[in-house]
Amino acid sequence: MSGTQSHEYWMEQAIALAEQAGALGEVPVGAVIVSAQGELLGAGFNQPIRNHDPSAHAEVMALRDAAARIANYRLPGCQLYVTIEPCTMCVGAMVHARIERVIYGAAEPRFGAVESGRRLLDEGGFNHRLQYLGGILAPRCSEMMRNFFKGRR
């Protein structure tokens, strides 16, 4: 747990950001970064369409926000909360940032790179090992994605 707040508390913050993404027509994914002291350092939501940037995933936006806030590209001791299991790109960015642990909501069977598809963090070969925990408020996170894509069909 981060500070005195629960995993559910921080995931609720990420869900609120995901709702902002969905309202803008982006895939509803949100992320927050929390310091070892339990302080919110960064926040982001998906915005690759709006920003014309394929790397503008929620996790990357949160990493950019946190790094700018502390003026350091390394975020040791921090936890990243995200509504959906991270993709390969986002896992790589978290490794480079030295995130301590990623906590995610719902699994992502097509592009997930933590437990569902590739298990990049278990494969080794990285110069930094980060922990992971999935399933926090998973039903809400899954439902948000299902409703978004149902509305687009």
N, C-alpha and C. Protein backbone atom coordinates (compact mmCIF):
# COMPACT_ATOMS: atom_id res chain seq x y z
N MET A 1 0.83 -1.19 0.00
CA MET A 1 0.00 0.00 0.00
C MET A 1 0.87 1.25 0.00
N SER A 2 0.36 2.30 -0.55
CA SER A 2 1.08 3.57 -0.60
C SER A 2 0.61 4.48 0.52
N GLY A 3 1.52 4.82 1.43
CA GLY A 3 1.15 5.71 2.53
C GLY A 3 -0.02 5.12 3.30
N THR A 4 -0.98 5.96 3.60
CA THR A 4 -2.14 5.48 4.35
C THR A 4 -3.32 5.18 3.44
N GLN A 5 -3.18 5.41 2.15
CA GLN A 5 -4.28 5.17 1.21
C GLN A 5 -4.20 3.74 0.68
N SER A 6 -5.35 3.17 0.39
CA SER A 6 -5.42 1.81 -0.11
C SER A 6 -5.21 1.75 -1.62
N HIS A 7 -4.96 0.55 -2.10
CA HIS A 7 -4.87 0.36 -3.55
C HIS A 7 -6.16 0.81 -4.23
N GLU A 8 -7.29 0.52 -3.59
CA GLU A 8 -8.58 0.91 -4.16
C GLU A 8 -8.71 2.42 -4.28
N TYR A 9 -8.22 3.14 -3.29
CA TYR A 9 -8.27 4.61 -3.34
C TYR A 9 -7.54 5.13 -4.58
N TRP A 10 -6.31 4.66 -4.78
CA TRP A 10 -5.52 5.14 -5.91
C TRP A 10 -6.10 4.69 -7.24
N MET A 11 -6.67 3.46 -7.26
CA MET A 11 -7.29 3.01 -8.51
C MET A 11 -8.51 3.86 -8.83
N GLU A 12 -9.23 4.31 -7.82
CA GLU A 12 -10.36 5.22 -8.05
C GLU A 12 -9.88 6.50 -8.73
N GLN A 13 -8.71 6.98 -8.35
CA GLN A 13 -8.15 8.18 -8.97
C GLN A 13 -7.85 7.91 -10.45
N ALA A 14 -7.31 6.73 -10.72
CA ALA A 14 -7.01 6.36 -12.10
C ALA A 14 -8.30 6.20 -12.91
N ILE A 15 -9.33 5.63 -12.30
CA ILE A 15 -10.61 5.47 -12.98
C ILE A 15 -11.20 6.83 -13.36
N ALA A 16 -11.10 7.80 -12.47
CA ALA A 16 -11.60 9.14 -12.77
C ALA A 16 -10.87 9.73 -13.99
N LEU A 17 -9.59 9.48 -14.10
CA LEU A 17 -8.83 9.95 -15.26
C LEU A 17 -9.24 9.19 -16.53
N ALA A 18 -9.49 7.90 -16.39
CA ALA A 18 -9.94 7.10 -17.54
C ALA A 18 -11.27 7.63 -18.06
N GLU A 19 -12.14 8.03 -17.16
CA GLU A 19 -13.42 8.61 -17.57
C GLU A 19 -13.22 9.89 -18.38
N GLN A 20 -12.21 10.68 -18.01
CA GLN A 20 -11.90 11.89 -18.80
C GLN A 20 -11.47 11.51 -20.21
N ALA A 21 -10.64 10.47 -20.31
CA ALA A 21 -10.20 10.02 -21.64
C ALA A 21 -11.39 9.59 -22.47
N GLY A 22 -12.27 8.79 -21.89
CA GLY A 22 -13.44 8.31 -22.60
C GLY A 22 -14.33 9.44 -23.06
N ALA A 23 -14.49 10.47 -22.23
CA ALA A 23 -15.32 11.62 -22.59
C ALA A 23 -14.75 12.37 -23.80
N LEU A 24 -13.44 12.24 -24.01
CA LEU A 24 -12.78 12.90 -25.15
C LEU A 24 -12.71 11.99 -26.37
N GLY A 25 -13.29 10.79 -26.26
CA GLY A 25 -13.25 9.86 -27.38
C GLY A 25 -12.01 9.00 -27.42
N GLU A 26 -11.19 9.07 -26.40
CA GLU A 26 -9.99 8.24 -26.30
C GLU A 26 -10.35 6.95 -25.58
N VAL A 27 -9.57 5.89 -25.79
CA VAL A 27 -9.78 4.66 -25.04
C VAL A 27 -9.63 5.00 -23.56
N PRO A 28 -10.60 4.62 -22.73
CA PRO A 28 -10.62 5.06 -21.33
C PRO A 28 -9.62 4.33 -20.43
N VAL A 29 -8.42 4.85 -20.41
CA VAL A 29 -7.37 4.34 -19.52
C VAL A 29 -6.81 5.52 -18.76
N GLY A 30 -6.66 5.34 -17.44
CA GLY A 30 -6.08 6.38 -16.60
C GLY A 30 -4.99 5.81 -15.72
N ALA A 31 -4.06 6.66 -15.30
CA ALA A 31 -2.94 6.22 -14.48
C ALA A 31 -2.51 7.32 -13.51
N VAL A 32 -2.05 6.89 -12.34
CA VAL A 32 -1.46 7.80 -11.37
C VAL A 32 -0.17 7.19 -10.84
N ILE A 33 0.74 8.07 -10.43
CA ILE A 33 2.00 7.64 -9.82
C ILE A 33 2.04 8.19 -8.41
N VAL A 34 2.35 7.29 -7.48
CA VAL A 34 2.36 7.61 -6.06
C VAL A 34 3.76 7.37 -5.50
N SER A 35 4.26 8.33 -4.75
CA SER A 35 5.59 8.20 -4.16
C SER A 35 5.57 7.20 -3.00
N ALA A 36 6.75 6.83 -2.55
CA ALA A 36 6.87 5.91 -1.41
C ALA A 36 6.24 6.51 -0.15
N GLN A 37 6.14 7.83 -0.10
CA GLN A 37 5.54 8.52 1.04
C GLN A 37 4.02 8.66 0.90
N GLY A 38 3.47 8.15 -0.20
CA GLY A 38 2.03 8.20 -0.40
C GLY A 38 1.53 9.49 -1.03
N GLU A 39 2.42 10.22 -1.69
CA GLU A 39 2.05 11.48 -2.33
C GLU A 39 1.80 11.26 -3.82
N LEU A 40 0.73 11.85 -4.33
CA LEU A 40 0.45 11.79 -5.77
C LEU A 40 1.50 12.63 -6.50
N LEU A 41 2.28 11.99 -7.36
CA LEU A 41 3.33 12.69 -8.10
C LEU A 41 2.97 12.95 -9.56
N GLY A 42 2.15 12.07 -10.13
CA GLY A 42 1.84 12.22 -11.54
C GLY A 42 0.51 11.61 -11.88
N ALA A 43 -0.10 12.13 -12.93
CA ALA A 43 -1.39 11.63 -13.39
C ALA A 43 -1.45 11.76 -14.90
N GLY A 44 -2.18 10.84 -15.52
CA GLY A 44 -2.34 10.90 -16.97
C GLY A 44 -3.47 10.02 -17.44
N PHE A 45 -3.92 10.30 -18.65
CA PHE A 45 -4.92 9.46 -19.28
C PHE A 45 -4.57 9.34 -20.75
N ASN A 46 -5.14 8.31 -21.39
CA ASN A 46 -4.86 8.08 -22.80
C ASN A 46 -5.21 9.31 -23.62
N GLN A 47 -4.29 9.70 -24.51
CA GLN A 47 -4.57 10.80 -25.42
C GLN A 47 -3.75 10.75 -26.71
N PRO A 48 -3.55 9.54 -27.27
CA PRO A 48 -2.80 9.50 -28.52
C PRO A 48 -3.54 10.14 -29.70
N ILE A 49 -4.86 10.05 -29.73
CA ILE A 49 -5.61 10.64 -30.84
C ILE A 49 -5.53 12.16 -30.76
N ARG A 50 -5.84 12.67 -29.60
CA ARG A 50 -5.85 14.12 -29.36
C ARG A 50 -4.47 14.75 -29.56
N ASN A 51 -3.43 14.04 -29.12
CA ASN A 51 -2.07 14.58 -29.21
C ASN A 51 -1.33 14.18 -30.48
N HIS A 52 -1.97 13.37 -31.32
CA HIS A 52 -1.29 12.85 -32.52
C HIS A 52 0.04 12.21 -32.14
N ASP A 53 -0.02 11.37 -31.10
CA ASP A 53 1.18 10.79 -30.51
C ASP A 53 0.90 9.35 -30.09
N PRO A 54 1.43 8.37 -30.82
CA PRO A 54 1.15 6.98 -30.48
C PRO A 54 1.70 6.56 -29.12
N SER A 55 2.60 7.33 -28.55
CA SER A 55 3.15 6.99 -27.24
C SER A 55 2.39 7.64 -26.08
N ALA A 56 1.34 8.36 -26.36
CA ALA A 56 0.62 9.11 -25.31
C ALA A 56 -0.38 8.22 -24.57
N HIS A 57 0.10 7.08 -24.11
CA HIS A 57 -0.72 6.20 -23.27
C HIS A 57 -0.79 6.79 -21.86
N ALA A 58 -1.77 6.38 -21.11
CA ALA A 58 -1.98 6.90 -19.76
C ALA A 58 -0.73 6.77 -18.90
N GLU A 59 -0.09 5.61 -18.96
CA GLU A 59 1.10 5.37 -18.14
C GLU A 59 2.22 6.33 -18.51
N VAL A 60 2.44 6.52 -19.80
CA VAL A 60 3.51 7.41 -20.27
C VAL A 60 3.20 8.85 -19.86
N MET A 61 1.94 9.25 -19.98
CA MET A 61 1.57 10.61 -19.59
C MET A 61 1.80 10.82 -18.09
N ALA A 62 1.46 9.81 -17.28
CA ALA A 62 1.68 9.91 -15.83
C ALA A 62 3.18 9.94 -15.51
N LEU A 63 3.97 9.12 -16.21
CA LEU A 63 5.42 9.13 -16.00
C LEU A 63 6.00 10.50 -16.34
N ARG A 64 5.57 11.08 -17.46
CA ARG A 64 6.05 12.41 -17.86
C ARG A 64 5.70 13.46 -16.80
N ASP A 65 4.46 13.38 -16.30
CA ASP A 65 4.00 14.34 -15.29
C ASP A 65 4.82 14.22 -14.01
N ALA A 66 5.01 13.00 -13.54
CA ALA A 66 5.77 12.79 -12.29
C ALA A 66 7.23 13.20 -12.46
N ALA A 67 7.84 12.82 -13.57
CA ALA A 67 9.24 13.16 -13.80
C ALA A 67 9.45 14.67 -13.85
N ALA A 68 8.52 15.36 -14.51
CA ALA A 68 8.62 16.82 -14.58
C ALA A 68 8.43 17.44 -13.20
N ARG A 69 7.52 16.87 -12.42
CA ARG A 69 7.24 17.41 -11.09
C ARG A 69 8.44 17.32 -10.16
N ILE A 70 9.17 16.19 -10.24
CA ILE A 70 10.33 16.04 -9.35
C ILE A 70 11.66 16.36 -10.05
N ALA A 71 11.59 16.73 -11.33
CA ALA A 71 12.77 17.07 -12.13
C ALA A 71 13.79 15.93 -12.15
N ASN A 72 13.28 14.73 -12.41
CA ASN A 72 14.14 13.55 -12.50
C ASN A 72 13.44 12.50 -13.34
N TYR A 73 14.16 11.89 -14.26
CA TYR A 73 13.55 10.86 -15.10
C TYR A 73 13.47 9.52 -14.39
N ARG A 74 14.09 9.39 -13.25
CA ARG A 74 14.01 8.18 -12.43
C ARG A 74 12.98 8.40 -11.34
N LEU A 75 12.16 7.39 -11.11
CA LEU A 75 11.09 7.46 -10.10
C LEU A 75 11.18 6.28 -9.14
N PRO A 76 12.34 6.08 -8.49
CA PRO A 76 12.50 4.92 -7.62
C PRO A 76 11.56 4.99 -6.41
N GLY A 77 11.08 3.84 -6.00
CA GLY A 77 10.19 3.77 -4.84
C GLY A 77 8.75 4.11 -5.16
N CYS A 78 8.47 4.50 -6.39
CA CYS A 78 7.10 4.90 -6.76
C CYS A 78 6.29 3.72 -7.27
N GLN A 79 5.00 3.87 -7.12
CA GLN A 79 4.06 2.88 -7.64
C GLN A 79 3.21 3.55 -8.71
N LEU A 80 2.92 2.80 -9.77
CA LEU A 80 2.09 3.30 -10.84
C LEU A 80 0.79 2.49 -10.83
N TYR A 81 -0.32 3.19 -10.72
CA TYR A 81 -1.65 2.57 -10.76
C TYR A 81 -2.25 2.87 -12.12
N VAL A 82 -2.77 1.84 -12.78
CA VAL A 82 -3.37 2.02 -14.11
C VAL A 82 -4.58 1.11 -14.22
N THR A 83 -5.59 1.58 -14.92
CA THR A 83 -6.86 0.87 -14.99
C THR A 83 -6.80 -0.42 -15.80
N ILE A 84 -5.89 -0.51 -16.75
CA ILE A 84 -5.77 -1.67 -17.63
C ILE A 84 -4.32 -2.15 -17.63
N GLU A 85 -4.14 -3.44 -17.73
CA GLU A 85 -2.80 -4.02 -17.79
C GLU A 85 -1.95 -3.33 -18.85
N PRO A 86 -0.74 -2.92 -18.51
CA PRO A 86 0.11 -2.19 -19.44
C PRO A 86 0.56 -3.01 -20.65
N CYS A 87 0.81 -2.28 -21.74
CA CYS A 87 1.33 -2.87 -22.97
C CYS A 87 2.87 -2.94 -22.89
N THR A 88 3.46 -3.49 -23.93
CA THR A 88 4.92 -3.63 -24.00
C THR A 88 5.62 -2.29 -23.87
N MET A 89 5.16 -1.29 -24.60
CA MET A 89 5.79 0.03 -24.56
C MET A 89 5.78 0.60 -23.14
N CYS A 90 4.63 0.49 -22.49
CA CYS A 90 4.49 1.08 -21.16
C CYS A 90 5.31 0.32 -20.12
N VAL A 91 5.40 -1.00 -20.25
CA VAL A 91 6.26 -1.78 -19.36
C VAL A 91 7.70 -1.30 -19.51
N GLY A 92 8.14 -1.12 -20.75
CA GLY A 92 9.50 -0.63 -20.98
C GLY A 92 9.74 0.73 -20.36
N ALA A 93 8.78 1.63 -20.50
CA ALA A 93 8.93 2.97 -19.92
C ALA A 93 9.01 2.89 -18.39
N MET A 94 8.22 2.01 -17.79
CA MET A 94 8.26 1.86 -16.33
C MET A 94 9.60 1.30 -15.86
N VAL A 95 10.15 0.37 -16.62
CA VAL A 95 11.47 -0.19 -16.28
C VAL A 95 12.50 0.93 -16.33
N HIS A 96 12.50 1.72 -17.40
CA HIS A 96 13.47 2.82 -17.53
C HIS A 96 13.31 3.86 -16.44
N ALA A 97 12.09 4.08 -15.98
CA ALA A 97 11.83 5.07 -14.92
C ALA A 97 12.15 4.51 -13.53
N ARG A 98 12.40 3.22 -13.45
CA ARG A 98 12.69 2.54 -12.18
C ARG A 98 11.49 2.55 -11.22
N ILE A 99 10.29 2.42 -11.79
CA ILE A 99 9.09 2.28 -10.96
C ILE A 99 9.26 1.04 -10.09
N GLU A 100 8.84 1.11 -8.85
CA GLU A 100 8.97 -0.04 -7.95
C GLU A 100 7.91 -1.10 -8.22
N ARG A 101 6.67 -0.65 -8.43
CA ARG A 101 5.58 -1.61 -8.63
C ARG A 101 4.49 -0.99 -9.47
N VAL A 102 3.92 -1.81 -10.36
CA VAL A 102 2.75 -1.42 -11.14
C VAL A 102 1.56 -2.18 -10.59
N ILE A 103 0.48 -1.46 -10.36
CA ILE A 103 -0.77 -2.03 -9.87
C ILE A 103 -1.81 -1.71 -10.93
N TYR A 104 -2.46 -2.74 -11.48
CA TYR A 104 -3.43 -2.48 -12.53
C TYR A 104 -4.78 -3.08 -12.19
N GLY A 105 -5.78 -2.57 -12.90
CA GLY A 105 -7.15 -3.01 -12.70
C GLY A 105 -7.44 -4.28 -13.48
N ALA A 106 -7.91 -4.13 -14.71
CA ALA A 106 -8.33 -5.26 -15.52
C ALA A 106 -7.20 -5.79 -16.39
N ALA A 107 -7.25 -7.08 -16.65
CA ALA A 107 -6.32 -7.71 -17.58
C ALA A 107 -6.62 -7.22 -19.00
N GLU A 108 -5.60 -7.27 -19.84
CA GLU A 108 -5.75 -6.88 -21.25
C GLU A 108 -5.27 -8.06 -22.09
N PRO A 109 -6.19 -8.96 -22.45
CA PRO A 109 -5.79 -10.21 -23.11
C PRO A 109 -5.09 -10.03 -24.46
N ARG A 110 -5.36 -8.97 -25.17
CA ARG A 110 -4.75 -8.80 -26.50
C ARG A 110 -3.35 -8.18 -26.43
N PHE A 111 -3.20 -7.13 -25.64
CA PHE A 111 -1.93 -6.39 -25.65
C PHE A 111 -1.24 -6.33 -24.30
N GLY A 112 -1.80 -6.94 -23.28
CA GLY A 112 -1.19 -6.92 -21.96
C GLY A 112 0.19 -7.56 -21.97
N ALA A 113 1.14 -6.93 -21.30
CA ALA A 113 2.52 -7.42 -21.31
C ALA A 113 3.03 -7.73 -19.92
N VAL A 114 2.11 -7.88 -18.96
CA VAL A 114 2.51 -8.20 -17.59
C VAL A 114 2.14 -9.64 -17.25
N GLU A 115 0.88 -10.00 -17.47
CA GLU A 115 0.42 -11.35 -17.14
C GLU A 115 -0.45 -12.00 -18.21
N SER A 116 -1.16 -11.22 -19.01
CA SER A 116 -2.14 -11.79 -19.93
C SER A 116 -1.55 -12.29 -21.25
N GLY A 117 -0.76 -11.47 -21.87
CA GLY A 117 -0.14 -11.83 -23.14
C GLY A 117 1.29 -12.26 -22.86
N ARG A 118 2.21 -11.38 -23.12
CA ARG A 118 3.60 -11.61 -22.74
C ARG A 118 3.74 -11.36 -21.26
N ARG A 119 4.67 -11.99 -20.65
CA ARG A 119 4.97 -11.80 -19.23
C ARG A 119 6.37 -11.19 -19.14
N LEU A 120 6.47 -9.97 -19.65
CA LEU A 120 7.79 -9.33 -19.77
C LEU A 120 8.52 -9.21 -18.44
N LEU A 121 7.80 -8.92 -17.38
CA LEU A 121 8.45 -8.70 -16.09
C LEU A 121 8.97 -10.00 -15.48
N ASP A 122 8.44 -11.12 -15.94
CA ASP A 122 8.90 -12.42 -15.46
C ASP A 122 9.99 -13.02 -16.34
N GLU A 123 10.15 -12.48 -17.55
CA GLU A 123 11.13 -13.03 -18.48
C GLU A 123 12.56 -12.69 -18.11
N GLY A 124 12.75 -11.64 -17.33
CA GLY A 124 14.10 -11.23 -16.96
C GLY A 124 14.76 -10.48 -18.09
N GLY A 125 16.03 -10.24 -17.93
CA GLY A 125 16.78 -9.53 -18.97
C GLY A 125 16.79 -8.03 -18.80
N PHE A 126 15.96 -7.50 -17.90
CA PHE A 126 15.97 -6.06 -17.66
C PHE A 126 16.99 -5.74 -16.58
N ASN A 127 17.48 -4.50 -16.58
CA ASN A 127 18.42 -4.08 -15.55
C ASN A 127 17.70 -3.56 -14.31
N HIS A 128 16.37 -3.66 -14.30
CA HIS A 128 15.57 -3.26 -13.13
C HIS A 128 14.39 -4.20 -13.07
N ARG A 129 14.08 -4.67 -11.88
CA ARG A 129 12.93 -5.55 -11.68
C ARG A 129 11.85 -4.79 -10.95
N LEU A 130 10.67 -4.76 -11.55
CA LEU A 130 9.56 -4.14 -10.84
C LEU A 130 8.51 -5.19 -10.51
N GLN A 131 7.85 -4.96 -9.40
CA GLN A 131 6.80 -5.85 -8.94
C GLN A 131 5.49 -5.48 -9.62
N TYR A 132 4.53 -6.39 -9.55
CA TYR A 132 3.23 -6.10 -10.13
C TYR A 132 2.12 -6.76 -9.33
N LEU A 133 0.95 -6.16 -9.45
CA LEU A 133 -0.26 -6.66 -8.81
C LEU A 133 -1.42 -6.29 -9.70
N GLY A 134 -2.21 -7.25 -10.10
CA GLY A 134 -3.35 -6.99 -10.96
C GLY A 134 -4.66 -7.30 -10.26
N GLY A 135 -5.74 -6.82 -10.85
CA GLY A 135 -7.08 -7.16 -10.37
C GLY A 135 -7.71 -6.17 -9.41
N ILE A 136 -7.09 -5.02 -9.18
CA ILE A 136 -7.66 -4.03 -8.27
C ILE A 136 -8.83 -3.33 -8.98
N LEU A 137 -10.02 -3.47 -8.43
CA LEU A 137 -11.25 -2.93 -9.01
C LEU A 137 -11.43 -3.37 -10.46
N ALA A 138 -11.00 -4.58 -10.76
CA ALA A 138 -11.04 -5.12 -12.12
C ALA A 138 -12.43 -5.08 -12.75
N PRO A 139 -13.51 -5.45 -12.04
CA PRO A 139 -14.82 -5.41 -12.69
C PRO A 139 -15.19 -4.01 -13.20
N ARG A 140 -14.90 -2.98 -12.42
CA ARG A 140 -15.21 -1.61 -12.86
C ARG A 140 -14.36 -1.20 -14.06
N CYS A 141 -13.09 -1.56 -14.00
CA CYS A 141 -12.19 -1.20 -15.10
C CYS A 141 -12.59 -1.92 -16.39
N SER A 142 -12.93 -3.19 -16.29
CA SER A 142 -13.37 -3.97 -17.45
C SER A 142 -14.66 -3.43 -18.03
N GLU A 143 -15.59 -3.12 -17.16
CA GLU A 143 -16.88 -2.61 -17.60
C GLU A 143 -16.73 -1.29 -18.36
N MET A 144 -15.85 -0.44 -17.86
CA MET A 144 -15.62 0.85 -18.53
C MET A 144 -15.12 0.62 -19.96
N MET A 145 -14.21 -0.33 -20.13
CA MET A 145 -13.69 -0.63 -21.47
C MET A 145 -14.79 -1.23 -22.35
N ARG A 146 -15.52 -2.20 -21.82
CA ARG A 146 -16.61 -2.83 -22.59
C ARG A 146 -17.63 -1.80 -23.06
N ASN A 147 -18.05 -0.93 -22.14
CA ASN A 147 -19.04 0.09 -22.48
C ASN A 147 -18.51 1.06 -23.54
N PHE A 148 -17.26 1.40 -23.44
CA PHE A 148 -16.66 2.32 -24.42
C PHE A 148 -16.70 1.70 -25.82
N PHE A 149 -16.23 0.47 -25.93
CA PHE A 149 -16.17 -0.17 -27.24
C PHE A 149 -17.55 -0.56 -27.75
N LYS A 150 -18.47 -0.88 -26.85
CA LYS A 150 -19.86 -1.14 -27.27
C LYS A 150 -20.46 0.10 -27.90
N GLY A 151 -20.17 1.25 -27.33
CA GLY A 151 -20.68 2.52 -27.84
C GLY A 151 -20.10 2.91 -29.19
N ARG A 152 -18.95 2.36 -29.53
CA ARG A 152 -18.29 2.70 -30.80
C ARG A 152 -18.75 1.80 -31.94
N ARG A 153 -19.41 0.68 -31.62
CA ARG A 153 -19.84 -0.26 -32.67
C ARG A 153 -21.13 0.14 -33.29
